[in-house]
Amino acid sequence: MARKEREENDSSEEPEFEAEEIEDRLQSRRGNCRFHLLRKELGLDATRRSCVRDSFSTFVILPDDRLYELWVHFILIWAIYSSFFTPFEFGFFNNGLPRNLFFLDITGQLAFLVDIVLRFFVAYRDDQTYQMVYKRTTIAIRYLRSQFVIDFLACLPWDVIYHACGRKEIIRYLLWIRLSRAQKVIDFFRKMEKDIRVNYLLTRIVKLIFVELYCTHTAACIFYYLATTLPESHEGYTWIGSLKMGDFSYSSFRELDLSTRYWTSLYFAIITMATVGYGDIHAVNVREMIFIMIFVSFDMVLSAYLIGNMTALIVKGSKTERFRDKMADLMKYMNRNRLGKDIRNQIKGHLRLQYESSYTDAAVLKDIPVSIRSKISQRIYKPFIEHVSLFKGCSPEFINQIVTKLHEEFFLPGEVILDQGNVVDQLYFVCHGVLEEVGIGENGTEDTISILKPNSTFGEVSILCNIPQPYIVRVCELCRLLRLDKQSFMNILQIYFFDGRTILNNLVEGKESNLRMKQIKSDITFHIGRQEAELALRVNNAVYHGDLYQLRSLIHAGANPNKTDYDGRSPLCPT
């Protein structure tokens, strides 16, 4: 029911210029791929309902719901505030927050608590099947195993706990758990970098400035914290307590207003990060020296990061920029040719998947010689092909030839790979995922013929029998397929006649006994008879011309010398 409702709501189209973030990666291991894919919506099923019902009649929030997207942006504002305020609270409010900031902090923690509750209702895409998961128990278990503990600890009122525990300093260190919320800000910038509505250069510059300001802000708070942890009688042995600006002394810095103390600390952090070192502010005690050494070492890495990113912006050759340019050109092409929504979503989905994972073997092995690529194909694909029922009983030489001609492809859920009635020139083998074969009746109704699972094949009936595709093949889960073009397949069969006969026999045995399959079996049987007659004719022709080499090849490939042609002749009985 939920699936039907989602299909009815597909009429509300997503903006064509928006490129969604793909966060998760495609990982594969030798001979056995495990998918670690795309945790966020790609927009393939554009739904605009605020909730759906699963089998337990519970409400689930869709991640692309507009109200939930507004809530995500609202939480993003609180995440930015919390990311900057946490180090500030740790460094400058040793004795607890003032009343106004305390209530503001409690308000923010309540907002994050509400977000935790909502996370138990938000549907997600499964990592391996790429299907949307709406079951409440599955959603809850997934969140409990991931971020729940950290999110919950971050929402605790640590200021209240600090006072309740007798002002134990170790309690205040738990405030840093709240910095996990900075991940929401990082995710936001990643999404903006791939949104072609937003200027890429501006987004990257703002991100780099944000990173630098955040690092200097955090360092300033830690600098001041180091000064306040010493007793008041030793304040003169700190960087700020020994500081003099002209006639002004910071010897009683605790009595200064908050803004003066913060800007002085920030000034010290910036000149230390820039390694300028005017000499007016410097470390006084060993603890400050140790932290400055650590901070300057970190600053070298940060400077390399900032310079490297700025260089990449000037060169304009980053992977993200190429993706944005290609997506923009693709949008112009689709709008100009007024392509339909389904094909738009399929094209965009494949482009995003290709950008994030570079999933095709051609992208990885394009510079490797053909002979080495053949060996790699045999190593990776042969275990799959050997278990395909269509090739049961075929010779190892035939399997090796098939494996070297394979190409790997991925298809997203909902895509139609083969249409009913079309001419097929590709043979597909299923490595991972699930597909369905659907027949269209005279009244337009769909009838599921079979479910294709790993080690299944499709397209073989149309190719071997030279008939139109008898049914639709549609993707149910994210699929990893191996593709073999018809011409290469037929060239191999011309050499291995006996294996071709075995394949046709396997094809007949593998079909079920419903009415549609009986018609297909009849076509296959007719095609087998025609191939047998053609082979007998070729044998007779070789005998007639005395071509022993050709005759020996045909017999070795499985030709039967007792088989007669259309006129009743055979090599052993020519008349």
Protein backbone atom coordinates (compact mmCIF):
# COMPACT_ATOMS: atom_id res chain seq x y z
CA MET A 1 0.00 0.00 0.00
CA ALA A 2 2.82 2.36 0.90
CA ARG A 3 4.51 1.63 -2.42
CA LYS A 4 1.33 2.41 -4.34
CA GLU A 5 0.86 5.68 -2.48
CA ARG A 6 4.47 6.66 -3.20
CA GLU A 7 3.99 6.00 -6.93
CA GLU A 8 0.85 8.15 -6.96
CA ASN A 9 2.77 11.00 -5.39
CA ASP A 10 5.60 10.83 -7.94
CA SER A 11 3.92 13.63 -9.91
CA SER A 12 5.50 16.29 -7.73
CA GLU A 13 8.88 16.75 -9.40
CA GLU A 14 12.03 17.80 -7.60
CA PRO A 15 14.01 20.82 -8.78
CA GLU A 16 16.08 19.75 -11.77
CA PHE A 17 19.03 21.89 -10.73
CA GLU A 18 19.60 20.35 -7.36
CA ALA A 19 22.28 17.74 -6.85
CA GLU A 20 21.74 15.79 -3.65
CA GLU A 21 24.61 14.68 -1.43
CA ILE A 22 25.74 11.09 -1.68
CA GLU A 23 27.58 10.26 1.46
CA ASP A 24 28.24 6.72 1.56
CA ARG A 25 30.79 4.90 -0.55
CA LEU A 26 30.72 1.85 -2.81
CA GLN A 27 33.15 -0.71 -1.44
CA SER A 28 34.05 -3.99 -3.10
CA ARG A 29 36.22 -6.92 -2.14
CA ARG A 30 37.77 -9.59 -4.33
CA GLY A 31 35.08 -11.87 -5.69
CA ASN A 32 32.42 -10.70 -3.25
CA CYS A 33 31.19 -7.10 -3.25
CA ARG A 34 29.48 -5.59 -0.28
CA PHE A 35 27.61 -2.42 -0.97
CA HIS A 36 28.18 0.60 1.26
CA LEU A 37 26.06 3.10 -0.66
CA LEU A 38 24.17 6.30 -0.72
CA ARG A 39 22.48 6.92 2.57
CA LYS A 40 20.58 9.95 1.38
CA GLU A 41 17.77 10.48 -1.11
CA LEU A 42 18.75 10.78 -4.75
CA GLY A 43 15.26 11.87 -5.64
CA LEU A 44 14.42 8.74 -7.60
CA ASP A 45 11.04 8.47 -5.92
CA ALA A 46 9.98 12.05 -5.43
CA THR A 47 7.51 11.86 -2.60
CA ARG A 48 6.01 14.82 -0.83
CA ARG A 49 4.05 13.15 1.95
CA SER A 50 4.90 13.97 5.51
CA CYS A 51 4.51 10.40 6.66
CA VAL A 52 3.70 6.88 5.54
CA ARG A 53 2.42 3.81 7.29
CA ASP A 54 4.35 0.61 7.54
CA SER A 55 3.02 -2.85 8.27
CA PHE A 56 2.61 -1.95 11.94
CA SER A 57 0.49 1.14 11.18
CA THR A 58 3.03 3.57 12.62
CA PHE A 59 3.94 6.93 11.17
CA VAL A 60 7.33 7.46 9.60
CA ILE A 61 8.82 10.77 8.45
CA LEU A 62 10.18 10.90 4.93
CA PRO A 63 13.61 12.55 4.75
CA ASP A 64 12.57 14.78 1.84
CA ASP A 65 9.43 16.08 3.55
CA ARG A 66 9.40 19.88 3.41
CA LEU A 67 8.50 20.33 7.07
CA TYR A 68 11.30 18.00 8.11
CA GLU A 69 13.73 19.85 5.83
CA LEU A 70 12.77 23.10 7.62
CA TRP A 71 13.43 21.38 10.92
CA VAL A 72 16.85 20.22 9.67
CA HIS A 73 17.78 23.81 8.82
CA PHE A 74 16.50 24.96 12.21
CA ILE A 75 18.70 22.37 13.97
CA LEU A 76 21.61 23.43 11.76
CA ILE A 77 21.44 26.92 13.28
CA TRP A 78 21.55 25.45 16.77
CA ALA A 79 24.43 23.18 15.72
CA ILE A 80 26.47 26.20 14.59
CA TYR A 81 25.68 27.95 17.87
CA SER A 82 26.57 24.89 19.94
CA SER A 83 29.82 24.28 18.03
CA PHE A 84 31.08 27.79 18.81
CA PHE A 85 29.55 28.20 22.26
CA THR A 86 30.85 24.90 23.72
CA PRO A 87 34.57 25.90 23.72
CA PHE A 88 33.53 29.41 24.85
CA GLU A 89 31.60 28.01 27.80
CA PHE A 90 34.46 25.66 28.67
CA GLY A 91 37.08 28.43 28.68
CA PHE A 92 35.33 31.52 30.00
CA PHE A 93 32.61 30.26 32.37
CA ASN A 94 34.47 28.18 34.93
CA ASN A 95 31.95 29.04 37.64
CA GLY A 96 28.88 28.30 35.57
CA LEU A 97 26.73 30.12 33.01
CA PRO A 98 24.96 33.41 33.83
CA ARG A 99 21.20 33.25 34.03
CA ASN A 100 20.40 34.49 30.51
CA LEU A 101 22.91 32.18 28.82
CA PHE A 102 21.79 29.28 31.00
CA PHE A 103 18.21 29.50 29.73
CA LEU A 104 19.45 29.91 26.14
CA ASP A 105 21.60 26.80 26.54
CA ILE A 106 18.67 24.81 27.99
CA THR A 107 16.51 25.88 25.05
CA GLY A 108 19.12 24.60 22.63
CA GLN A 109 19.43 21.26 24.42
CA LEU A 110 15.64 20.83 24.34
CA ALA A 111 15.70 21.43 20.58
CA PHE A 112 18.32 18.72 20.19
CA LEU A 113 16.27 16.37 22.37
CA VAL A 114 13.31 16.86 20.04
CA ASP A 115 15.64 16.11 17.12
CA ILE A 116 16.67 12.85 18.82
CA VAL A 117 13.02 11.82 19.09
CA LEU A 118 12.38 12.66 15.44
CA ARG A 119 15.38 10.59 14.35
CA PHE A 120 13.50 7.48 15.52
CA PHE A 121 10.80 8.25 12.92
CA VAL A 122 12.89 9.24 9.88
CA ALA A 123 12.96 6.67 7.08
CA TYR A 124 16.26 5.88 5.40
CA ARG A 125 17.67 3.99 2.45
CA ASP A 126 19.18 0.60 3.17
CA ASP A 127 22.91 0.47 2.63
CA GLN A 128 22.89 -2.68 0.49
CA THR A 129 19.47 -2.89 -1.19
CA TYR A 130 19.02 0.89 -1.60
CA GLN A 131 15.35 0.49 -0.74
CA MET A 132 13.62 2.92 1.59
CA VAL A 133 13.12 1.42 5.06
CA TYR A 134 9.87 2.45 6.77
CA LYS A 135 9.74 -0.08 9.59
CA ARG A 136 9.91 1.69 12.93
CA THR A 137 11.83 -1.02 14.75
CA THR A 138 14.51 -1.16 12.07
CA ILE A 139 14.87 2.63 12.05
CA ALA A 140 15.16 2.71 15.84
CA ILE A 141 17.76 -0.07 16.01
CA ARG A 142 19.85 1.62 13.33
CA TYR A 143 19.87 4.95 15.19
CA LEU A 144 20.55 3.31 18.56
CA ARG A 145 23.58 1.59 17.11
CA SER A 146 24.98 4.74 15.53
CA GLN A 147 24.68 8.26 16.99
CA PHE A 148 22.09 7.94 19.75
CA VAL A 149 24.46 7.61 22.71
CA ILE A 150 26.61 10.58 21.68
CA ASP A 151 23.56 12.71 20.81
CA PHE A 152 21.94 11.93 24.14
CA LEU A 153 25.07 12.68 26.18
CA ALA A 154 25.49 15.96 24.32
CA CYS A 155 21.99 17.04 25.42
CA LEU A 156 22.64 16.58 29.14
CA PRO A 157 22.81 19.84 31.20
CA TRP A 158 26.48 19.54 32.10
CA ASP A 159 26.50 22.93 33.82
CA VAL A 160 23.88 21.73 36.28
CA ILE A 161 25.67 18.40 36.72
CA TYR A 162 28.93 20.26 37.33
CA HIS A 163 27.45 22.20 40.25
CA ALA A 164 25.61 19.15 41.58
CA CYS A 165 28.85 17.13 41.69
CA GLY A 166 30.69 19.68 43.79
CA ARG A 167 32.36 21.54 40.90
CA LYS A 168 34.58 18.65 39.85
CA GLU A 169 36.66 19.87 36.95
CA ILE A 170 36.54 16.55 35.12
CA ILE A 171 32.78 17.00 34.59
CA ARG A 172 33.42 20.12 32.53
CA TYR A 173 35.52 18.14 30.05
CA LEU A 174 32.37 16.25 29.07
CA LEU A 175 31.14 19.47 27.43
CA TRP A 176 33.34 18.63 24.44
CA ILE A 177 30.94 15.83 23.51
CA ARG A 178 28.74 18.56 22.06
CA LEU A 179 31.31 19.21 19.35
CA SER A 180 29.91 16.12 17.60
CA ARG A 181 27.17 18.47 16.38
CA ALA A 182 29.74 20.13 14.12
CA GLN A 183 29.18 17.14 11.81
CA LYS A 184 25.84 18.70 10.84
CA VAL A 185 27.68 21.83 9.70
CA ILE A 186 30.19 19.75 7.73
CA ASP A 187 27.35 17.87 6.03
CA PHE A 188 25.69 21.18 5.16
CA PHE A 189 28.82 22.50 3.42
CA ARG A 190 29.23 19.23 1.52
CA LYS A 191 25.70 19.51 0.27
CA MET A 192 26.19 23.14 -0.76
CA GLU A 193 29.33 22.24 -2.70
CA LYS A 194 27.28 19.91 -4.89
CA ASP A 195 24.26 22.21 -5.26
CA ILE A 196 24.73 23.82 -8.66
CA ARG A 197 22.40 26.67 -7.68
CA VAL A 198 25.11 27.95 -5.34
CA ASN A 199 28.40 29.35 -6.55
CA TYR A 200 31.05 26.72 -5.90
CA LEU A 201 33.94 29.14 -5.41
CA LEU A 202 31.99 31.19 -2.87
CA THR A 203 30.93 28.06 -0.98
CA ARG A 204 34.48 26.74 -0.68
CA ILE A 205 35.88 30.12 0.41
CA VAL A 206 33.19 30.49 3.09
CA LYS A 207 33.91 26.94 4.26
CA LEU A 208 37.66 27.58 4.53
CA ILE A 209 37.08 30.83 6.43
CA PHE A 210 34.69 29.01 8.73
CA VAL A 211 37.30 26.30 9.43
CA GLU A 212 40.01 28.85 10.20
CA LEU A 213 37.81 30.97 12.46
CA TYR A 214 36.57 27.92 14.32
CA CYS A 215 40.10 26.65 14.97
CA THR A 216 41.33 30.04 16.20
CA HIS A 217 38.19 30.51 18.31
CA THR A 218 38.70 27.12 19.98
CA ALA A 219 42.40 27.83 20.55
CA ALA A 220 41.58 31.22 22.12
CA CYS A 221 39.17 29.56 24.56
CA ILE A 222 41.78 26.96 25.53
CA PHE A 223 44.45 29.66 25.97
CA TYR A 224 42.23 31.51 28.43
CA TYR A 225 41.27 28.26 30.20
CA LEU A 226 44.94 27.46 30.81
CA ALA A 227 45.39 30.84 32.47
CA THR A 228 42.36 30.43 34.76
CA THR A 229 43.29 26.97 36.05
CA LEU A 230 46.16 28.41 38.11
CA PRO A 231 45.40 29.93 41.53
CA GLU A 232 44.83 33.66 41.64
CA SER A 233 48.13 34.13 43.48
CA HIS A 234 49.95 32.76 40.43
CA GLU A 235 48.08 34.78 37.82
CA GLY A 236 51.23 36.72 37.02
CA TYR A 237 52.82 33.50 35.75
CA THR A 238 50.33 33.17 32.90
CA TRP A 239 50.42 34.59 29.40
CA ILE A 240 47.57 37.03 30.07
CA GLY A 241 48.43 37.85 33.68
CA SER A 242 51.94 38.97 32.68
CA LEU A 243 50.69 40.93 29.67
CA LYS A 244 51.13 44.70 29.41
CA MET A 245 49.79 46.84 26.59
CA GLY A 246 51.44 50.21 27.01
CA ASP A 247 50.50 51.44 30.46
CA PHE A 248 47.64 48.95 30.75
CA SER A 249 48.30 45.79 32.76
CA TYR A 250 46.35 42.53 32.69
CA SER A 251 47.53 41.48 36.14
CA SER A 252 43.92 41.32 37.39
CA PHE A 253 42.48 39.93 34.16
CA ARG A 254 39.59 38.13 35.89
CA GLU A 255 38.05 41.51 36.69
CA LEU A 256 38.08 42.67 33.07
CA ASP A 257 34.91 42.53 30.99
CA LEU A 258 34.23 39.40 28.98
CA SER A 259 34.74 40.97 25.54
CA THR A 260 38.22 42.28 26.43
CA ARG A 261 39.34 38.92 27.71
CA TYR A 262 37.96 37.12 24.63
CA TRP A 263 39.44 39.49 22.04
CA THR A 264 42.81 39.37 23.76
CA SER A 265 42.74 35.57 23.72
CA LEU A 266 41.67 35.54 20.08
CA TYR A 267 44.49 37.94 19.20
CA PHE A 268 47.01 35.60 20.88
CA ALA A 269 45.56 32.59 19.02
CA ILE A 270 45.67 34.28 15.60
CA ILE A 271 49.25 35.57 15.82
CA THR A 272 50.31 32.14 17.11
CA MET A 273 48.52 30.40 14.24
CA ALA A 274 50.09 32.82 11.76
CA THR A 275 53.48 32.26 13.47
CA VAL A 276 54.03 36.02 13.41
CA GLY A 277 55.09 36.28 17.06
CA TYR A 278 55.37 40.01 17.70
CA GLY A 279 56.67 39.28 21.17
CA ASP A 280 54.01 41.25 23.02
CA ILE A 281 52.25 38.00 24.02
CA HIS A 282 54.06 34.76 24.69
CA ALA A 283 53.91 31.62 26.79
CA VAL A 284 55.05 31.99 30.41
CA ASN A 285 54.69 28.58 32.05
CA VAL A 286 55.41 25.04 30.87
CA ARG A 287 51.75 24.11 30.27
CA GLU A 288 51.32 27.05 27.91
CA MET A 289 54.52 26.13 26.08
CA ILE A 290 53.35 22.55 25.59
CA PHE A 291 49.97 23.64 24.26
CA ILE A 292 51.56 26.18 21.89
CA MET A 293 53.85 23.49 20.50
CA ILE A 294 50.86 21.25 19.88
CA PHE A 295 48.84 24.12 18.44
CA VAL A 296 51.61 25.24 16.05
CA SER A 297 52.12 21.64 14.88
CA PHE A 298 48.41 21.38 14.19
CA ASP A 299 48.55 24.77 12.48
CA MET A 300 51.10 23.46 9.96
CA VAL A 301 48.66 20.75 8.91
CA LEU A 302 45.77 23.23 8.82
CA SER A 303 47.79 25.69 6.72
CA ALA A 304 48.62 22.93 4.23
CA TYR A 305 44.91 22.07 4.05
CA LEU A 306 43.89 25.69 3.46
CA ILE A 307 46.60 26.37 0.87
CA GLY A 308 45.89 23.11 -0.93
CA ASN A 309 42.19 23.90 -1.16
CA MET A 310 42.81 27.43 -2.39
CA THR A 311 45.19 26.06 -5.04
CA ALA A 312 42.52 23.58 -6.14
CA LEU A 313 40.04 26.44 -6.47
CA ILE A 314 42.41 28.39 -8.71
CA VAL A 315 43.32 25.40 -10.85
CA LYS A 316 39.64 24.41 -11.18
CA GLY A 317 40.26 20.73 -11.67
CA SER A 318 38.65 19.12 -8.64
CA LYS A 319 36.36 16.14 -8.92
CA THR A 320 33.46 18.08 -7.41
CA GLU A 321 33.79 20.88 -9.96
CA ARG A 322 33.84 18.41 -12.84
CA PHE A 323 30.72 16.82 -11.41
CA ARG A 324 28.97 20.19 -11.09
CA ASP A 325 29.89 21.21 -14.64
CA LYS A 326 28.73 17.88 -16.03
CA MET A 327 25.50 18.05 -14.05
CA ALA A 328 24.82 21.60 -15.26
CA ASP A 329 25.39 20.59 -18.90
CA LEU A 330 23.20 17.54 -18.38
CA MET A 331 20.36 19.67 -16.99
CA LYS A 332 20.53 21.99 -19.98
CA TYR A 333 20.43 19.01 -22.33
CA MET A 334 17.44 17.41 -20.57
CA ASN A 335 15.53 20.69 -20.43
CA ARG A 336 16.25 21.46 -24.07
CA ASN A 337 15.03 18.05 -25.21
CA ARG A 338 12.17 17.97 -22.67
CA LEU A 339 13.00 14.53 -21.38
CA GLY A 340 10.50 12.81 -19.11
CA LYS A 341 10.78 12.67 -15.36
CA ASP A 342 11.69 8.98 -15.16
CA ILE A 343 14.60 9.21 -17.56
CA ARG A 344 15.76 12.43 -15.86
CA ASN A 345 15.90 10.72 -12.49
CA GLN A 346 17.71 7.70 -13.91
CA ILE A 347 20.34 9.86 -15.62
CA LYS A 348 20.91 12.01 -12.54
CA GLY A 349 21.04 8.98 -10.28
CA HIS A 350 23.70 7.28 -12.40
CA LEU A 351 25.74 10.48 -12.63
CA ARG A 352 25.70 10.96 -8.87
CA LEU A 353 26.59 7.33 -8.21
CA GLN A 354 29.42 7.52 -10.71
CA TYR A 355 30.72 10.76 -9.16
CA GLU A 356 30.78 9.43 -5.63
CA SER A 357 32.17 5.96 -6.21
CA SER A 358 33.71 5.75 -9.72
CA TYR A 359 31.98 2.40 -9.69
CA THR A 360 32.64 1.11 -13.21
CA ASP A 361 35.64 -1.05 -13.95
CA ALA A 362 36.29 0.94 -17.11
CA ALA A 363 37.08 4.01 -15.00
CA VAL A 364 39.61 2.07 -12.92
CA LEU A 365 41.18 -0.22 -15.52
CA LYS A 366 41.13 1.98 -18.61
CA ASP A 367 44.93 2.43 -18.67
CA ILE A 368 45.73 -1.26 -18.10
CA PRO A 369 46.61 -3.46 -21.13
CA VAL A 370 43.89 -5.71 -22.50
CA SER A 371 45.75 -8.91 -21.64
CA ILE A 372 46.03 -7.92 -17.98
CA ARG A 373 42.40 -6.80 -17.92
CA SER A 374 41.40 -10.24 -19.20
CA LYS A 375 43.24 -11.90 -16.32
CA ILE A 376 41.60 -9.53 -13.85
CA SER A 377 38.17 -10.31 -15.32
CA GLN A 378 38.78 -14.04 -14.99
CA ARG A 379 39.82 -13.60 -11.38
CA ILE A 380 36.84 -11.43 -10.42
CA TYR A 381 33.97 -12.62 -12.61
CA LYS A 382 34.65 -16.30 -13.22
CA PRO A 383 33.24 -17.43 -9.83
CA PHE A 384 29.93 -15.77 -10.75
CA ILE A 385 29.72 -17.12 -14.29
CA GLU A 386 30.55 -20.68 -13.23
CA HIS A 387 27.44 -20.72 -11.01
CA VAL A 388 25.08 -19.38 -13.70
CA SER A 389 22.55 -22.10 -14.54
CA LEU A 390 22.57 -21.09 -18.22
CA PHE A 391 26.20 -22.23 -18.53
CA LYS A 392 25.83 -25.45 -16.54
CA GLY A 393 27.92 -28.17 -18.17
CA CYS A 394 29.82 -25.81 -20.49
CA SER A 395 33.53 -26.26 -21.06
CA PRO A 396 36.09 -24.23 -19.07
CA GLU A 397 37.46 -22.77 -22.31
CA PHE A 398 34.01 -21.43 -23.20
CA ILE A 399 33.62 -19.91 -19.70
CA ASN A 400 37.01 -18.21 -20.00
CA GLN A 401 36.04 -16.64 -23.31
CA ILE A 402 32.76 -15.36 -21.87
CA VAL A 403 34.45 -13.85 -18.80
CA THR A 404 36.93 -11.78 -20.83
CA LYS A 405 34.09 -10.02 -22.68
CA LEU A 406 32.05 -8.96 -19.63
CA HIS A 407 31.36 -5.39 -18.53
CA GLU A 408 30.22 -4.42 -15.05
CA GLU A 409 27.24 -2.08 -14.56
CA PHE A 410 25.06 -0.87 -11.69
CA PHE A 411 21.36 -0.05 -11.85
CA LEU A 412 19.25 1.81 -9.31
CA PRO A 413 15.84 0.63 -8.01
CA GLY A 414 12.88 1.28 -10.29
CA GLU A 415 14.87 1.34 -13.53
CA VAL A 416 13.63 -0.71 -16.49
CA ILE A 417 16.60 -2.45 -18.11
CA LEU A 418 14.72 -4.31 -20.87
CA ASP A 419 11.30 -3.37 -22.26
CA GLN A 420 8.79 -5.89 -23.50
CA GLY A 421 8.80 -6.18 -27.29
CA ASN A 422 12.21 -4.53 -27.80
CA VAL A 423 15.07 -6.06 -29.73
CA VAL A 424 17.77 -7.15 -27.27
CA ASP A 425 21.49 -6.98 -28.03
CA GLN A 426 22.82 -7.48 -24.48
CA LEU A 427 22.92 -10.51 -22.19
CA TYR A 428 22.92 -9.74 -18.44
CA PHE A 429 24.10 -11.76 -15.44
CA VAL A 430 22.99 -10.83 -11.91
CA CYS A 431 25.83 -10.62 -9.36
CA HIS A 432 24.05 -8.79 -6.56
CA GLY A 433 20.57 -7.39 -6.07
CA VAL A 434 17.05 -8.38 -7.07
CA LEU A 435 15.09 -7.78 -10.29
CA GLU A 436 11.64 -8.80 -11.47
CA GLU A 437 10.40 -10.02 -14.82
CA VAL A 438 7.00 -8.49 -15.57
CA GLY A 439 4.64 -9.32 -18.40
CA ILE A 440 2.12 -6.79 -19.74
CA GLY A 441 -1.28 -8.22 -20.55
CA GLU A 442 -3.63 -7.12 -23.31
CA ASN A 443 -5.57 -4.92 -20.89
CA GLY A 444 -2.35 -3.28 -19.64
CA THR A 445 -2.15 -5.16 -16.34
CA GLU A 446 1.23 -6.27 -15.02
CA ASP A 447 1.91 -9.90 -14.19
CA THR A 448 5.09 -10.80 -12.31
CA ILE A 449 6.66 -13.72 -14.16
CA SER A 450 9.63 -14.39 -11.90
CA ILE A 451 12.11 -12.83 -9.50
CA LEU A 452 15.74 -12.65 -10.61
CA LYS A 453 18.31 -13.15 -7.87
CA PRO A 454 22.11 -13.55 -7.94
CA ASN A 455 23.39 -16.05 -10.54
CA SER A 456 20.32 -15.43 -12.72
CA THR A 457 20.38 -14.26 -16.34
CA PHE A 458 18.03 -12.28 -18.56
CA GLY A 459 18.00 -11.31 -22.22
CA GLU A 460 19.16 -14.81 -23.23
CA VAL A 461 15.80 -15.86 -24.73
CA SER A 462 15.62 -12.90 -27.07
CA ILE A 463 19.27 -13.24 -28.13
CA LEU A 464 19.37 -17.01 -28.68
CA CYS A 465 15.97 -17.32 -30.33
CA ASN A 466 16.05 -14.03 -32.29
CA ILE A 467 12.68 -12.96 -30.91
CA PRO A 468 11.61 -9.68 -29.26
CA GLN A 469 12.05 -9.38 -25.52
CA PRO A 470 9.08 -11.33 -24.06
CA TYR A 471 8.76 -9.35 -20.80
CA ILE A 472 9.91 -6.29 -18.88
CA VAL A 473 12.96 -6.57 -16.61
CA ARG A 474 12.80 -4.03 -13.76
CA VAL A 475 15.18 -3.39 -10.86
CA CYS A 476 13.83 -3.96 -7.34
CA GLU A 477 17.07 -3.41 -5.39
CA LEU A 478 20.36 -1.82 -6.29
CA CYS A 479 21.90 -4.31 -8.72
CA ARG A 480 25.39 -5.14 -9.80
CA LEU A 481 25.15 -6.74 -13.25
CA LEU A 482 27.59 -8.18 -15.75
CA ARG A 483 26.80 -7.37 -19.37
CA LEU A 484 27.80 -9.31 -22.51
CA ASP A 485 26.99 -7.89 -25.94
CA LYS A 486 25.23 -10.11 -28.45
CA GLN A 487 27.91 -9.94 -31.14
CA SER A 488 30.66 -11.15 -28.79
CA PHE A 489 28.39 -13.91 -27.51
CA MET A 490 27.54 -15.14 -30.97
CA ASN A 491 31.19 -15.05 -32.06
CA ILE A 492 32.07 -17.32 -29.14
CA LEU A 493 29.17 -19.69 -29.89
CA GLN A 494 30.32 -20.07 -33.49
CA ILE A 495 33.55 -21.57 -32.18
CA TYR A 496 32.07 -23.65 -29.33
CA PHE A 497 29.09 -25.37 -31.03
CA PHE A 498 28.72 -28.07 -28.42
CA ASP A 499 28.52 -25.49 -25.61
CA GLY A 500 25.89 -23.62 -27.60
CA ARG A 501 23.73 -26.75 -27.69
CA THR A 502 24.24 -27.19 -23.93
CA ILE A 503 23.14 -23.62 -23.33
CA LEU A 504 19.94 -24.10 -25.32
CA ASN A 505 19.13 -27.28 -23.40
CA ASN A 506 19.76 -25.46 -20.10
CA LEU A 507 17.51 -22.66 -21.29
CA VAL A 508 14.62 -25.08 -21.92
CA GLU A 509 15.07 -26.87 -18.61
CA GLY A 510 15.19 -23.67 -16.64
CA LYS A 511 11.79 -22.36 -17.73
CA GLU A 512 8.67 -22.78 -15.62
CA SER A 513 5.49 -24.41 -16.85
CA ASN A 514 3.05 -21.50 -17.06
CA LEU A 515 1.37 -20.53 -20.31
CA ARG A 516 3.76 -17.71 -21.19
CA MET A 517 6.81 -19.88 -20.54
CA LYS A 518 5.38 -22.74 -22.62
CA GLN A 519 5.25 -20.42 -25.61
CA ILE A 520 8.86 -19.38 -25.01
CA LYS A 521 9.92 -23.04 -24.67
CA SER A 522 8.28 -23.72 -28.01
CA ASP A 523 10.31 -20.92 -29.60
CA ILE A 524 13.51 -22.26 -28.01
CA THR A 525 12.82 -25.81 -29.22
CA PHE A 526 12.21 -24.52 -32.74
CA HIS A 527 15.45 -22.56 -32.61
CA ILE A 528 17.38 -25.63 -31.41
CA GLY A 529 16.05 -27.63 -34.35
CA ARG A 530 17.02 -24.90 -36.77
CA GLN A 531 20.53 -24.72 -35.35
CA GLU A 532 20.91 -28.49 -35.58
CA ALA A 533 19.84 -28.38 -39.26
CA GLU A 534 22.29 -25.55 -40.00
CA LEU A 535 25.12 -27.44 -38.32
CA ALA A 536 24.33 -30.62 -40.30
CA LEU A 537 24.34 -28.56 -43.48
CA ARG A 538 27.78 -27.15 -42.64
CA VAL A 539 29.12 -30.65 -42.00
CA ASN A 540 27.76 -31.90 -45.33
CA ASN A 541 29.26 -28.88 -47.06
CA ALA A 542 32.70 -29.60 -45.55
CA VAL A 543 32.47 -33.24 -46.67
CA TYR A 544 31.36 -32.24 -50.15
CA HIS A 545 34.34 -29.88 -50.64
CA GLY A 546 36.77 -32.26 -48.95
CA ASP A 547 37.67 -29.71 -46.28
CA LEU A 548 39.07 -32.07 -43.65
CA TYR A 549 40.24 -29.24 -41.42
CA GLN A 550 36.76 -27.71 -41.28
CA LEU A 551 35.16 -31.14 -40.82
CA ARG A 552 37.54 -32.01 -37.99
CA SER A 553 36.78 -28.68 -36.26
CA LEU A 554 33.04 -29.24 -36.53
CA ILE A 555 33.24 -32.80 -35.20
CA HIS A 556 35.50 -31.67 -32.36
CA ALA A 557 33.02 -28.89 -31.53
CA GLY A 558 30.21 -31.46 -31.13
CA ALA A 559 28.69 -31.89 -34.59
CA ASN A 560 26.95 -35.24 -35.09
CA PRO A 561 27.99 -36.89 -38.42
CA ASN A 562 24.83 -39.01 -38.30
CA LYS A 563 22.60 -35.94 -38.29
CA THR A 564 20.79 -35.42 -41.60
CA ASP A 565 20.09 -32.11 -43.28
CA TYR A 566 16.78 -30.88 -44.72
CA ASP A 567 17.14 -33.31 -47.67
CA GLY A 568 17.85 -36.38 -45.55
CA ARG A 569 21.57 -36.43 -46.33
CA SER A 570 24.41 -36.94 -43.84
CA PRO A 571 28.21 -37.27 -44.19
CA LEU A 572 27.91 -41.02 -43.70
CA CYS A 573 24.92 -41.38 -46.06
CA PRO A 574 25.29 -38.73 -48.78
CA THR A 575 22.43 -40.09 -50.91
